[in-house]
Amino acid sequence: MTRRRQDPNVCGVTAAIAVIDGKWKTTLLWLLEAGPHRPAELRRHVPDISEKVLTETLREMAVDGLVHREVHDVLPPKTVYSLTDFGRELAEAVAPLSDWGHRRLEKLAEAARPAS
């Protein structure tokens, strides 16, 4: 995994986007906002993600301070992922962007409808 370098002089929006950039991060953020999940549960909710990509994405999110990884010392090993306070803060910050996105999709759907 290569670590992204962050320029401290970069725009705040750019810094935020860098943390959620990627195909699956916002989906995982949304799922973990509902509560802790084991990796297999996350894969069931996102069937198109491979195990390798899921693991890499969760590790990146952990390095960025968004996700907490808890390993239970049992057999078989049990790992649970949850949002950190910082991750919850990001989820709250992204919520208005999500609302805007849904409004945009509605406008696009309206524009695609044939005029009657």
PDB file of N, CA and C in Angstrom:
ATOM      1  N   MET A   1       0.850  -1.174   0.000  1.00  0.00           N
ATOM      2  CA  MET A   1       0.000   0.000   0.000  1.00  0.00           C
ATOM      3  C   MET A   1       0.893   1.234   0.000  1.00  0.00           C
ATOM      4  N   THR A   2       0.633   2.145  -0.902  1.00  0.00           N
ATOM      5  CA  THR A   2       1.398   3.382  -0.920  1.00  0.00           C
ATOM      6  C   THR A   2       0.635   4.429  -0.137  1.00  0.00           C
ATOM      7  N   ARG A   3       1.333   5.170   0.652  1.00  0.00           N
ATOM      8  CA  ARG A   3       0.726   6.202   1.481  1.00  0.00           C
ATOM      9  C   ARG A   3       0.664   7.509   0.702  1.00  0.00           C
ATOM     10  N   ARG A   4      -0.495   8.111   0.700  1.00  0.00           N
ATOM     11  CA  ARG A   4      -0.655   9.400   0.038  1.00  0.00           C
ATOM     12  C   ARG A   4       0.053  10.477   0.841  1.00  0.00           C
ATOM     13  N   ARG A   5       0.779  11.308   0.167  1.00  0.00           N
ATOM     14  CA  ARG A   5       1.424  12.443   0.840  1.00  0.00           C
ATOM     15  C   ARG A   5       0.443  13.598   0.839  1.00  0.00           C
ATOM     16  N   GLN A   6       0.353  14.275   1.957  1.00  0.00           N
ATOM     17  CA  GLN A   6      -0.552  15.402   2.071  1.00  0.00           C
ATOM     18  C   GLN A   6       0.225  16.700   2.175  1.00  0.00           C
ATOM     19  N   ASP A   7      -0.076  17.646   1.318  1.00  0.00           N
ATOM     20  CA  ASP A   7       0.501  18.976   1.369  1.00  0.00           C
ATOM     21  C   ASP A   7      -0.311  19.784   2.379  1.00  0.00           C
ATOM     22  N   PRO A   8       0.304  20.296   3.433  1.00  0.00           N
ATOM     23  CA  PRO A   8      -0.449  21.036   4.443  1.00  0.00           C
ATOM     24  C   PRO A   8      -1.045  22.339   3.916  1.00  0.00           C
ATOM     25  N   ASN A   9      -0.611  22.788   2.752  1.00  0.00           N
ATOM     26  CA  ASN A   9      -1.129  24.032   2.184  1.00  0.00           C
ATOM     27  C   ASN A   9      -2.273  23.796   1.195  1.00  0.00           C
ATOM     28  N   VAL A  10      -2.732  22.576   1.081  1.00  0.00           N
ATOM     29  CA  VAL A  10      -3.779  22.238   0.115  1.00  0.00           C
ATOM     30  C   VAL A  10      -5.147  22.705   0.643  1.00  0.00           C
ATOM     31  N   CYS A  11      -6.065  22.915  -0.260  1.00  0.00           N
ATOM     32  CA  CYS A  11      -7.437  23.300   0.081  1.00  0.00           C
ATOM     33  C   CYS A  11      -8.065  22.224   0.975  1.00  0.00           C
ATOM     34  N   GLY A  12      -8.864  22.643   1.949  1.00  0.00           N
ATOM     35  CA  GLY A  12      -9.511  21.707   2.867  1.00  0.00           C
ATOM     36  C   GLY A  12     -10.428  20.719   2.170  1.00  0.00           C
ATOM     37  N   VAL A  13     -11.138  21.176   1.150  1.00  0.00           N
ATOM     38  CA  VAL A  13     -12.026  20.270   0.408  1.00  0.00           C
ATOM     39  C   VAL A  13     -11.198  19.196  -0.290  1.00  0.00           C
ATOM     40  N   THR A  14     -10.083  19.581  -0.869  1.00  0.00           N
ATOM     41  CA  THR A  14      -9.203  18.623  -1.535  1.00  0.00           C
ATOM     42  C   THR A  14      -8.675  17.600  -0.533  1.00  0.00           C
ATOM     43  N   ALA A  15      -8.315  18.060   0.663  1.00  0.00           N
ATOM     44  CA  ALA A  15      -7.828  17.149   1.704  1.00  0.00           C
ATOM     45  C   ALA A  15      -8.922  16.175   2.126  1.00  0.00           C
ATOM     46  N   ALA A  16     -10.149  16.648   2.219  1.00  0.00           N
ATOM     47  CA  ALA A  16     -11.265  15.775   2.592  1.00  0.00           C
ATOM     48  C   ALA A  16     -11.563  14.761   1.496  1.00  0.00           C
ATOM     49  N   ILE A  17     -11.572  15.216   0.258  1.00  0.00           N
ATOM     50  CA  ILE A  17     -11.841  14.319  -0.875  1.00  0.00           C
ATOM     51  C   ILE A  17     -10.770  13.236  -0.955  1.00  0.00           C
ATOM     52  N   ALA A  18      -9.525  13.576  -0.652  1.00  0.00           N
ATOM     53  CA  ALA A  18      -8.440  12.593  -0.693  1.00  0.00           C
ATOM     54  C   ALA A  18      -8.696  11.438   0.264  1.00  0.00           C
ATOM     55  N   VAL A  19      -9.358  11.713   1.377  1.00  0.00           N
ATOM     56  CA  VAL A  19      -9.631  10.678   2.373  1.00  0.00           C
ATOM     57  C   VAL A  19     -10.770   9.756   1.931  1.00  0.00           C
ATOM     58  N   ILE A  20     -11.733  10.288   1.180  1.00  0.00           N
ATOM     59  CA  ILE A  20     -12.862   9.455   0.751  1.00  0.00           C
ATOM     60  C   ILE A  20     -12.769   9.057  -0.712  1.00  0.00           C
ATOM     61  N   ASP A  21     -11.647   9.398  -1.346  1.00  0.00           N
ATOM     62  CA  ASP A  21     -11.448   9.056  -2.746  1.00  0.00           C
ATOM     63  C   ASP A  21     -11.361   7.544  -2.899  1.00  0.00           C
ATOM     64  N   GLY A  22     -11.963   7.049  -3.930  1.00  0.00           N
ATOM     65  CA  GLY A  22     -11.949   5.610  -4.189  1.00  0.00           C
ATOM     66  C   GLY A  22     -13.368   5.114  -4.385  1.00  0.00           C
ATOM     67  N   LYS A  23     -13.467   3.968  -4.976  1.00  0.00           N
ATOM     68  CA  LYS A  23     -14.778   3.434  -5.337  1.00  0.00           C
ATOM     69  C   LYS A  23     -15.628   3.021  -4.134  1.00  0.00           C
ATOM     70  N   TRP A  24     -15.004   2.554  -3.058  1.00  0.00           N
ATOM     71  CA  TRP A  24     -15.759   1.914  -1.990  1.00  0.00           C
ATOM     72  C   TRP A  24     -15.793   2.663  -0.659  1.00  0.00           C
ATOM     73  N   LYS A  25     -14.979   3.673  -0.491  1.00  0.00           N
ATOM     74  CA  LYS A  25     -14.853   4.302   0.825  1.00  0.00           C
ATOM     75  C   LYS A  25     -16.152   4.931   1.326  1.00  0.00           C
ATOM     76  N   THR A  26     -16.869   5.617   0.457  1.00  0.00           N
ATOM     77  CA  THR A  26     -18.110   6.237   0.930  1.00  0.00           C
ATOM     78  C   THR A  26     -19.151   5.175   1.267  1.00  0.00           C
ATOM     79  N   THR A  27     -19.185   4.096   0.516  1.00  0.00           N
ATOM     80  CA  THR A  27     -20.115   2.998   0.819  1.00  0.00           C
ATOM     81  C   THR A  27     -19.773   2.372   2.168  1.00  0.00           C
ATOM     82  N   LEU A  28     -18.497   2.112   2.413  1.00  0.00           N
ATOM     83  CA  LEU A  28     -18.082   1.532   3.692  1.00  0.00           C
ATOM     84  C   LEU A  28     -18.330   2.501   4.839  1.00  0.00           C
ATOM     85  N   LEU A  29     -18.092   3.769   4.605  1.00  0.00           N
ATOM     86  CA  LEU A  29     -18.367   4.790   5.618  1.00  0.00           C
ATOM     87  C   LEU A  29     -19.841   4.763   5.998  1.00  0.00           C
ATOM     88  N   TRP A  30     -20.696   4.693   4.996  1.00  0.00           N
ATOM     89  CA  TRP A  30     -22.142   4.664   5.213  1.00  0.00           C
ATOM     90  C   TRP A  30     -22.556   3.399   5.977  1.00  0.00           C
ATOM     91  N   LEU A  31     -22.018   2.240   5.590  1.00  0.00           N
ATOM     92  CA  LEU A  31     -22.350   0.991   6.276  1.00  0.00           C
ATOM     93  C   LEU A  31     -21.878   1.003   7.730  1.00  0.00           C
ATOM     94  N   LEU A  32     -20.664   1.477   7.957  1.00  0.00           N
ATOM     95  CA  LEU A  32     -20.118   1.495   9.319  1.00  0.00           C
ATOM     96  C   LEU A  32     -20.782   2.556  10.190  1.00  0.00           C
ATOM     97  N   GLU A  33     -21.410   3.533   9.560  1.00  0.00           N
ATOM     98  CA  GLU A  33     -22.148   4.538  10.322  1.00  0.00           C
ATOM     99  C   GLU A  33     -23.313   3.889  11.078  1.00  0.00           C
ATOM    100  N   ALA A  34     -23.834   2.794  10.542  1.00  0.00           N
ATOM    101  CA  ALA A  34     -24.944   2.077  11.191  1.00  0.00           C
ATOM    102  C   ALA A  34     -24.470   1.251  12.385  1.00  0.00           C
ATOM    103  N   GLY A  35     -23.170   1.013  12.488  1.00  0.00           N
ATOM    104  CA  GLY A  35     -22.635   0.245  13.607  1.00  0.00           C
ATOM    105  C   GLY A  35     -21.482  -0.637  13.177  1.00  0.00           C
ATOM    106  N   PRO A  36     -20.825  -1.279  14.143  1.00  0.00           N
ATOM    107  CA  PRO A  36     -19.677  -2.140  13.848  1.00  0.00           C
ATOM    108  C   PRO A  36     -20.056  -3.307  12.940  1.00  0.00           C
ATOM    109  N   HIS A  37     -19.121  -3.705  12.099  1.00  0.00           N
ATOM    110  CA  HIS A  37     -19.330  -4.828  11.180  1.00  0.00           C
ATOM    111  C   HIS A  37     -18.069  -5.670  11.097  1.00  0.00           C
ATOM    112  N   ARG A  38     -18.281  -6.953  10.901  1.00  0.00           N
ATOM    113  CA  ARG A  38     -17.175  -7.847  10.574  1.00  0.00           C
ATOM    114  C   ARG A  38     -16.954  -7.784   9.065  1.00  0.00           C
ATOM    115  N   PRO A  39     -15.741  -8.132   8.606  1.00  0.00           N
ATOM    116  CA  PRO A  39     -15.460  -8.066   7.163  1.00  0.00           C
ATOM    117  C   PRO A  39     -16.450  -8.859   6.308  1.00  0.00           C
ATOM    118  N   ALA A  40     -16.843 -10.030   6.751  1.00  0.00           N
ATOM    119  CA  ALA A  40     -17.780 -10.844   5.970  1.00  0.00           C
ATOM    120  C   ALA A  40     -19.135 -10.147   5.830  1.00  0.00           C
ATOM    121  N   GLU A  41     -19.554  -9.443   6.871  1.00  0.00           N
ATOM    122  CA  GLU A  41     -20.818  -8.695   6.796  1.00  0.00           C
ATOM    123  C   GLU A  41     -20.713  -7.575   5.763  1.00  0.00           C
ATOM    124  N   LEU A  42     -19.587  -6.894   5.773  1.00  0.00           N
ATOM    125  CA  LEU A  42     -19.382  -5.818   4.801  1.00  0.00           C
ATOM    126  C   LEU A  42     -19.389  -6.362   3.379  1.00  0.00           C
ATOM    127  N   ARG A  43     -18.759  -7.524   3.179  1.00  0.00           N
ATOM    128  CA  ARG A  43     -18.741  -8.133   1.841  1.00  0.00           C
ATOM    129  C   ARG A  43     -20.137  -8.531   1.391  1.00  0.00           C
ATOM    130  N   ARG A  44     -20.974  -8.986   2.320  1.00  0.00           N
ATOM    131  CA  ARG A  44     -22.360  -9.336   1.959  1.00  0.00           C
ATOM    132  C   ARG A  44     -23.133  -8.095   1.504  1.00  0.00           C
ATOM    133  N   HIS A  45     -22.863  -6.967   2.147  1.00  0.00           N
ATOM    134  CA  HIS A  45     -23.549  -5.726   1.775  1.00  0.00           C
ATOM    135  C   HIS A  45     -23.004  -5.117   0.489  1.00  0.00           C
ATOM    136  N   VAL A  46     -21.749  -5.433   0.162  1.00  0.00           N
ATOM    137  CA  VAL A  46     -21.090  -4.895  -1.038  1.00  0.00           C
ATOM    138  C   VAL A  46     -20.515  -6.079  -1.817  1.00  0.00           C
ATOM    139  N   PRO A  47     -21.383  -6.845  -2.480  1.00  0.00           N
ATOM    140  CA  PRO A  47     -20.911  -8.080  -3.114  1.00  0.00           C
ATOM    141  C   PRO A  47     -19.900  -7.887  -4.240  1.00  0.00           C
ATOM    142  N   ASP A  48     -19.835  -6.699  -4.833  1.00  0.00           N
ATOM    143  CA  ASP A  48     -18.905  -6.483  -5.944  1.00  0.00           C
ATOM    144  C   ASP A  48     -17.474  -6.208  -5.499  1.00  0.00           C
ATOM    145  N   ILE A  49     -17.246  -6.020  -4.200  1.00  0.00           N
ATOM    146  CA  ILE A  49     -15.904  -5.721  -3.714  1.00  0.00           C
ATOM    147  C   ILE A  49     -15.170  -7.035  -3.432  1.00  0.00           C
ATOM    148  N   SER A  50     -13.928  -7.110  -3.855  1.00  0.00           N
ATOM    149  CA  SER A  50     -13.148  -8.316  -3.574  1.00  0.00           C
ATOM    150  C   SER A  50     -12.619  -8.246  -2.140  1.00  0.00           C
ATOM    151  N   GLU A  51     -12.255  -9.388  -1.614  1.00  0.00           N
ATOM    152  CA  GLU A  51     -11.717  -9.436  -0.249  1.00  0.00           C
ATOM    153  C   GLU A  51     -10.439  -8.607  -0.136  1.00  0.00           C
ATOM    154  N   LYS A  52      -9.600  -8.695  -1.169  1.00  0.00           N
ATOM    155  CA  LYS A  52      -8.338  -7.945  -1.180  1.00  0.00           C
ATOM    156  C   LYS A  52      -8.592  -6.436  -1.145  1.00  0.00           C
ATOM    157  N   VAL A  53      -9.492  -5.975  -1.992  1.00  0.00           N
ATOM    158  CA  VAL A  53      -9.796  -4.539  -2.052  1.00  0.00           C
ATOM    159  C   VAL A  53     -10.469  -4.082  -0.762  1.00  0.00           C
ATOM    160  N   LEU A  54     -11.345  -4.902  -0.210  1.00  0.00           N
ATOM    161  CA  LEU A  54     -11.986  -4.561   1.064  1.00  0.00           C
ATOM    162  C   LEU A  54     -10.934  -4.381   2.148  1.00  0.00           C
ATOM    163  N   THR A  55     -10.018  -5.322   2.244  1.00  0.00           N
ATOM    164  CA  THR A  55      -8.957  -5.255   3.258  1.00  0.00           C
ATOM    165  C   THR A  55      -8.096  -4.014   3.061  1.00  0.00           C
ATOM    166  N   GLU A  56      -7.685  -3.753   1.826  1.00  0.00           N
ATOM    167  CA  GLU A  56      -6.847  -2.580   1.544  1.00  0.00           C
ATOM    168  C   GLU A  56      -7.579  -1.287   1.876  1.00  0.00           C
ATOM    169  N   THR A  57      -8.843  -1.222   1.502  1.00  0.00           N
ATOM    170  CA  THR A  57      -9.626  -0.006   1.740  1.00  0.00           C
ATOM    171  C   THR A  57      -9.817   0.237   3.228  1.00  0.00           C
ATOM    172  N   LEU A  58     -10.138  -0.820   3.979  1.00  0.00           N
ATOM    173  CA  LEU A  58     -10.307  -0.666   5.424  1.00  0.00           C
ATOM    174  C   LEU A  58      -8.994  -0.272   6.093  1.00  0.00           C
ATOM    175  N   ARG A  59      -7.888  -0.809   5.604  1.00  0.00           N
ATOM    176  CA  ARG A  59      -6.576  -0.425   6.162  1.00  0.00           C
ATOM    177  C   ARG A  59      -6.288   1.047   5.903  1.00  0.00           C
ATOM    178  N   GLU A  60      -6.566   1.514   4.688  1.00  0.00           N
ATOM    179  CA  GLU A  60      -6.364   2.933   4.376  1.00  0.00           C
ATOM    180  C   GLU A  60      -7.235   3.808   5.269  1.00  0.00           C
ATOM    181  N   MET A  61      -8.480   3.394   5.456  1.00  0.00           N
ATOM    182  CA  MET A  61      -9.393   4.163   6.298  1.00  0.00           C
ATOM    183  C   MET A  61      -8.915   4.168   7.752  1.00  0.00           C
ATOM    184  N   ALA A  62      -8.313   3.072   8.198  1.00  0.00           N
ATOM    185  CA  ALA A  62      -7.769   3.011   9.554  1.00  0.00           C
ATOM    186  C   ALA A  62      -6.563   3.937   9.691  1.00  0.00           C
ATOM    187  N   VAL A  63      -5.690   3.929   8.686  1.00  0.00           N
ATOM    188  CA  VAL A  63      -4.509   4.810   8.703  1.00  0.00           C
ATOM    189  C   VAL A  63      -4.946   6.274   8.726  1.00  0.00           C
ATOM    190  N   ASP A  64      -6.032   6.585   8.028  1.00  0.00           N
ATOM    191  CA  ASP A  64      -6.542   7.958   7.984  1.00  0.00           C
ATOM    192  C   ASP A  64      -7.336   8.328   9.236  1.00  0.00           C
ATOM    193  N   GLY A  65      -7.490   7.371  10.157  1.00  0.00           N
ATOM    194  CA  GLY A  65      -8.168   7.657  11.417  1.00  0.00           C
ATOM    195  C   GLY A  65      -9.678   7.598  11.359  1.00  0.00           C
ATOM    196  N   LEU A  66     -10.237   7.017  10.298  1.00  0.00           N
ATOM    197  CA  LEU A  66     -11.687   6.948  10.143  1.00  0.00           C
ATOM    198  C   LEU A  66     -12.289   5.690  10.752  1.00  0.00           C
ATOM    199  N   VAL A  67     -11.508   4.620  10.756  1.00  0.00           N
ATOM    200  CA  VAL A  67     -12.007   3.307  11.150  1.00  0.00           C
ATOM    201  C   VAL A  67     -11.125   2.731  12.255  1.00  0.00           C
ATOM    202  N   HIS A  68     -11.788   2.077  13.197  1.00  0.00           N
ATOM    203  CA  HIS A  68     -11.076   1.360  14.259  1.00  0.00           C
ATOM    204  C   HIS A  68     -11.183  -0.134  13.959  1.00  0.00           C
ATOM    205  N   ARG A  69     -10.058  -0.818  14.011  1.00  0.00           N
ATOM    206  CA  ARG A  69     -10.007  -2.269  13.781  1.00  0.00           C
ATOM    207  C   ARG A  69      -9.763  -2.942  15.120  1.00  0.00           C
ATOM    208  N   GLU A  70     -10.711  -3.779  15.524  1.00  0.00           N
ATOM    209  CA  GLU A  70     -10.592  -4.484  16.794  1.00  0.00           C
ATOM    210  C   GLU A  70     -10.492  -5.983  16.518  1.00  0.00           C
ATOM    211  N   VAL A  71      -9.402  -6.582  16.980  1.00  0.00           N
ATOM    212  CA  VAL A  71      -9.179  -8.015  16.790  1.00  0.00           C
ATOM    213  C   VAL A  71      -9.417  -8.704  18.124  1.00  0.00           C
ATOM    214  N   HIS A  72     -10.355  -9.645  18.132  1.00  0.00           N
ATOM    215  CA  HIS A  72     -10.667 -10.410  19.335  1.00  0.00           C
ATOM    216  C   HIS A  72      -9.821 -11.679  19.347  1.00  0.00           C
ATOM    217  N   ASP A  73      -9.254 -11.987  20.484  1.00  0.00           N
ATOM    218  CA  ASP A  73      -8.367 -13.140  20.630  1.00  0.00           C
ATOM    219  C   ASP A  73      -9.182 -14.403  20.894  1.00  0.00           C
ATOM    220  N   VAL A  74      -9.846 -14.871  19.847  1.00  0.00           N
ATOM    221  CA  VAL A  74     -10.654 -16.097  19.926  1.00  0.00           C
ATOM    222  C   VAL A  74     -10.333 -16.946  18.702  1.00  0.00           C
ATOM    223  N   LEU A  75     -10.763 -18.192  18.739  1.00  0.00           N
ATOM    224  CA  LEU A  75     -10.620 -19.069  17.579  1.00  0.00           C
ATOM    225  C   LEU A  75     -11.997 -19.395  17.050  1.00  0.00           C
ATOM    226  N   PRO A  76     -12.265 -19.214  15.794  1.00  0.00           N
ATOM    227  CA  PRO A  76     -11.421 -18.563  14.803  1.00  0.00           C
ATOM    228  C   PRO A  76     -11.301 -17.062  15.111  1.00  0.00           C
ATOM    229  N   PRO A  77     -10.241 -16.430  14.594  1.00  0.00           N
ATOM    230  CA  PRO A  77     -10.038 -15.011  14.857  1.00  0.00           C
ATOM    231  C   PRO A  77     -11.246 -14.175  14.428  1.00  0.00           C
ATOM    232  N   LYS A  78     -11.548 -13.178  15.217  1.00  0.00           N
ATOM    233  CA  LYS A  78     -12.695 -12.322  14.937  1.00  0.00           C
ATOM    234  C   LYS A  78     -12.205 -10.871  14.866  1.00  0.00           C
ATOM    235  N   THR A  79     -12.487 -10.218  13.752  1.00  0.00           N
ATOM    236  CA  THR A  79     -12.124  -8.818  13.561  1.00  0.00           C
ATOM    237  C   THR A  79     -13.394  -8.017  13.351  1.00  0.00           C
ATOM    238  N   VAL A  80     -13.481  -6.878  14.015  1.00  0.00           N
ATOM    239  CA  VAL A  80     -14.645  -6.000  13.902  1.00  0.00           C
ATOM    240  C   VAL A  80     -14.152  -4.598  13.562  1.00  0.00           C
ATOM    241  N   TYR A  81     -14.820  -3.983  12.603  1.00  0.00           N
ATOM    242  CA  TYR A  81     -14.498  -2.614  12.205  1.00  0.00           C
ATOM    243  C   TYR A  81     -15.629  -1.695  12.642  1.00  0.00           C
ATOM    244  N   SER A  82     -15.245  -0.514  13.117  1.00  0.00           N
ATOM    245  CA  SER A  82     -16.227   0.495  13.501  1.00  0.00           C
ATOM    246  C   SER A  82     -15.667   1.871  13.166  1.00  0.00           C
ATOM    247  N   LEU A  83     -16.542   2.845  13.112  1.00  0.00           N
ATOM    248  CA  LEU A  83     -16.091   4.208  12.862  1.00  0.00           C
ATOM    249  C   LEU A  83     -15.503   4.805  14.131  1.00  0.00           C
ATOM    250  N   THR A  84     -14.471   5.574  13.955  1.00  0.00           N
ATOM    251  CA  THR A  84     -13.932   6.363  15.059  1.00  0.00           C
ATOM    252  C   THR A  84     -14.775   7.636  15.167  1.00  0.00           C
ATOM    253  N   ASP A  85     -14.533   8.432  16.191  1.00  0.00           N
ATOM    254  CA  ASP A  85     -15.224   9.718  16.292  1.00  0.00           C
ATOM    255  C   ASP A  85     -14.920  10.580  15.068  1.00  0.00           C
ATOM    256  N   PHE A  86     -13.673  10.521  14.602  1.00  0.00           N
ATOM    257  CA  PHE A  86     -13.265  11.270  13.414  1.00  0.00           C
ATOM    258  C   PHE A  86     -14.029  10.775  12.184  1.00  0.00           C
ATOM    259  N   GLY A  87     -14.240   9.460  12.086  1.00  0.00           N
ATOM    260  CA  GLY A  87     -15.001   8.886  10.987  1.00  0.00           C
ATOM    261  C   GLY A  87     -16.457   9.298  11.032  1.00  0.00           C
ATOM    262  N   ARG A  88     -17.043   9.334  12.235  1.00  0.00           N
ATOM    263  CA  ARG A  88     -18.429   9.777  12.382  1.00  0.00           C
ATOM    264  C   ARG A  88     -18.564  11.255  11.983  1.00  0.00           C
ATOM    265  N   GLU A  89     -17.556  12.026  12.364  1.00  0.00           N
ATOM    266  CA  GLU A  89     -17.547  13.445  11.998  1.00  0.00           C
ATOM    267  C   GLU A  89     -17.533  13.601  10.473  1.00  0.00           C
ATOM    268  N   LEU A  90     -16.736  12.785   9.804  1.00  0.00           N
ATOM    269  CA  LEU A  90     -16.697  12.828   8.344  1.00  0.00           C
ATOM    270  C   LEU A  90     -18.045  12.412   7.755  1.00  0.00           C
ATOM    271  N   ALA A  91     -18.652  11.367   8.307  1.00  0.00           N
ATOM    272  CA  ALA A  91     -19.955  10.906   7.809  1.00  0.00           C
ATOM    273  C   ALA A  91     -20.993  12.026   7.921  1.00  0.00           C
ATOM    274  N   GLU A  92     -20.962  12.757   9.013  1.00  0.00           N
ATOM    275  CA  GLU A  92     -21.887  13.886   9.189  1.00  0.00           C
ATOM    276  C   GLU A  92     -21.592  14.994   8.183  1.00  0.00           C
ATOM    277  N   ALA A  93     -20.316  15.225   7.906  1.00  0.00           N
ATOM    278  CA  ALA A  93     -19.935  16.271   6.956  1.00  0.00           C
ATOM    279  C   ALA A  93     -20.327  15.902   5.529  1.00  0.00           C
ATOM    280  N   VAL A  94     -20.308  14.613   5.208  1.00  0.00           N
ATOM    281  CA  VAL A  94     -20.622  14.160   3.853  1.00  0.00           C
ATOM    282  C   VAL A  94     -22.135  14.078   3.613  1.00  0.00           C
ATOM    283  N   ALA A  95     -22.927  14.009   4.658  1.00  0.00           N
ATOM    284  CA  ALA A  95     -24.384  13.869   4.526  1.00  0.00           C
ATOM    285  C   ALA A  95     -25.006  14.946   3.632  1.00  0.00           C
ATOM    286  N   PRO A  96     -24.680  16.243   3.805  1.00  0.00           N
ATOM    287  CA  PRO A  96     -25.261  17.243   2.897  1.00  0.00           C
ATOM    288  C   PRO A  96     -24.836  17.042   1.440  1.00  0.00           C
ATOM    289  N   LEU A  97     -23.640  16.568   1.216  1.00  0.00           N
ATOM    290  CA  LEU A  97     -23.192  16.275  -0.144  1.00  0.00           C
ATOM    291  C   LEU A  97     -24.020  15.138  -0.733  1.00  0.00           C
ATOM    292  N   SER A  98     -24.335  14.146   0.085  1.00  0.00           N
ATOM    293  CA  SER A  98     -25.181  13.041  -0.345  1.00  0.00           C
ATOM    294  C   SER A  98     -26.577  13.553  -0.717  1.00  0.00           C
ATOM    295  N   ASP A  99     -27.125  14.430   0.117  1.00  0.00           N
ATOM    296  CA  ASP A  99     -28.444  15.014  -0.182  1.00  0.00           C
ATOM    297  C   ASP A  99     -28.416  15.749  -1.522  1.00  0.00           C
ATOM    298  N   TRP A 100     -27.356  16.535  -1.739  1.00  0.00           N
ATOM    299  CA  TRP A 100     -27.206  17.257  -2.993  1.00  0.00           C
ATOM    300  C   TRP A 100     -27.145  16.276  -4.166  1.00  0.00           C
ATOM    301  N   GLY A 101     -26.409  15.190  -3.988  1.00  0.00           N
ATOM    302  CA  GLY A 101     -26.292  14.187  -5.042  1.00  0.00           C
ATOM    303  C   GLY A 101     -27.629  13.565  -5.404  1.00  0.00           C
ATOM    304  N   HIS A 102     -28.449  13.283  -4.388  1.00  0.00           N
ATOM    305  CA  HIS A 102     -29.780  12.726  -4.652  1.00  0.00           C
ATOM    306  C   HIS A 102     -30.656  13.733  -5.404  1.00  0.00           C
ATOM    307  N   ARG A 103     -30.575  15.015  -5.040  1.00  0.00           N
ATOM    308  CA  ARG A 103     -31.338  16.043  -5.762  1.00  0.00           C
ATOM    309  C   ARG A 103     -30.876  16.120  -7.219  1.00  0.00           C
ATOM    310  N   ARG A 104     -29.568  15.998  -7.441  1.00  0.00           N
ATOM    311  CA  ARG A 104     -29.037  16.023  -8.804  1.00  0.00           C
ATOM    312  C   ARG A 104     -29.570  14.844  -9.612  1.00  0.00           C
ATOM    313  N   LEU A 105     -29.584  13.661  -8.989  1.00  0.00           N
ATOM    314  CA  LEU A 105     -30.103  12.481  -9.690  1.00  0.00           C
ATOM    315  C   LEU A 105     -31.578  12.656 -10.049  1.00  0.00           C
ATOM    316  N   GLU A 106     -32.352  13.270  -9.148  1.00  0.00           N
ATOM    317  CA  GLU A 106     -33.770  13.536  -9.436  1.00  0.00           C
ATOM    318  C   GLU A 106     -33.916  14.477 -10.630  1.00  0.00           C
ATOM    319  N   LYS A 107     -33.083  15.525 -10.675  1.00  0.00           N
ATOM    320  CA  LYS A 107     -33.128  16.463 -11.799  1.00  0.00           C
ATOM    321  C   LYS A 107     -32.772  15.765 -13.108  1.00  0.00           C
ATOM    322  N   LEU A 108     -31.764  14.914 -13.067  1.00  0.00           N
ATOM    323  CA  LEU A 108     -31.377  14.185 -14.274  1.00  0.00           C
ATOM    324  C   LEU A 108     -32.497  13.254 -14.741  1.00  0.00           C
ATOM    325  N   ALA A 109     -33.165  12.614 -13.777  1.00  0.00           N
ATOM    326  CA  ALA A 109     -34.278  11.720 -14.120  1.00  0.00           C
ATOM    327  C   ALA A 109     -35.427  12.510 -14.722  1.00  0.00           C
ATOM    328  N   GLU A 110     -35.704  13.683 -14.167  1.00  0.00           N
ATOM    329  CA  GLU A 110     -36.768  14.531 -14.711  1.00  0.00           C
ATOM    330  C   GLU A 110     -36.442  14.980 -16.130  1.00  0.00           C
ATOM    331  N   ALA A 111     -35.194  15.344 -16.356  1.00  0.00           N
ATOM    332  CA  ALA A 111     -34.783  15.800 -17.683  1.00  0.00           C
ATOM    333  C   ALA A 111     -34.838  14.682 -18.715  1.00  0.00           C
ATOM    334  N   ALA A 112     -34.668  13.444 -18.272  1.00  0.00           N
ATOM    335  CA  ALA A 112     -34.674  12.310 -19.196  1.00  0.00           C
ATOM    336  C   ALA A 112     -36.081  11.846 -19.548  1.00  0.00           C
ATOM    337  N   ARG A 113     -37.069  12.250 -18.744  1.00  0.00           N
ATOM    338  CA  ARG A 113     -38.450  11.842 -19.040  1.00  0.00           C
ATOM    339  C   ARG A 113     -38.959  12.540 -20.291  1.00  0.00           C
ATOM    340  N   PRO A 114     -39.701  11.786 -21.105  1.00  0.00           N
ATOM    341  CA  PRO A 114     -40.262  12.411 -22.306  1.00  0.00           C
ATOM    342  C   PRO A 114     -41.344  13.442 -21.917  1.00  0.00           C
ATOM    343  N   ALA A 115     -41.378  14.525 -22.638  1.00  0.00           N
ATOM    344  CA  ALA A 115     -42.398  15.564 -22.367  1.00  0.00           C
ATOM    345  C   ALA A 115     -43.752  15.037 -22.790  1.00  0.00           C
ATOM    346  N   SER A 116     -44.769  15.326 -21.973  1.00  0.00           N
ATOM    347  CA  SER A 116     -46.110  14.852 -22.342  1.00  0.00           C
ATOM    348  C   SER A 116     -47.016  15.970 -22.703  1.00  0.00           C
TER     349      SER A 116
END
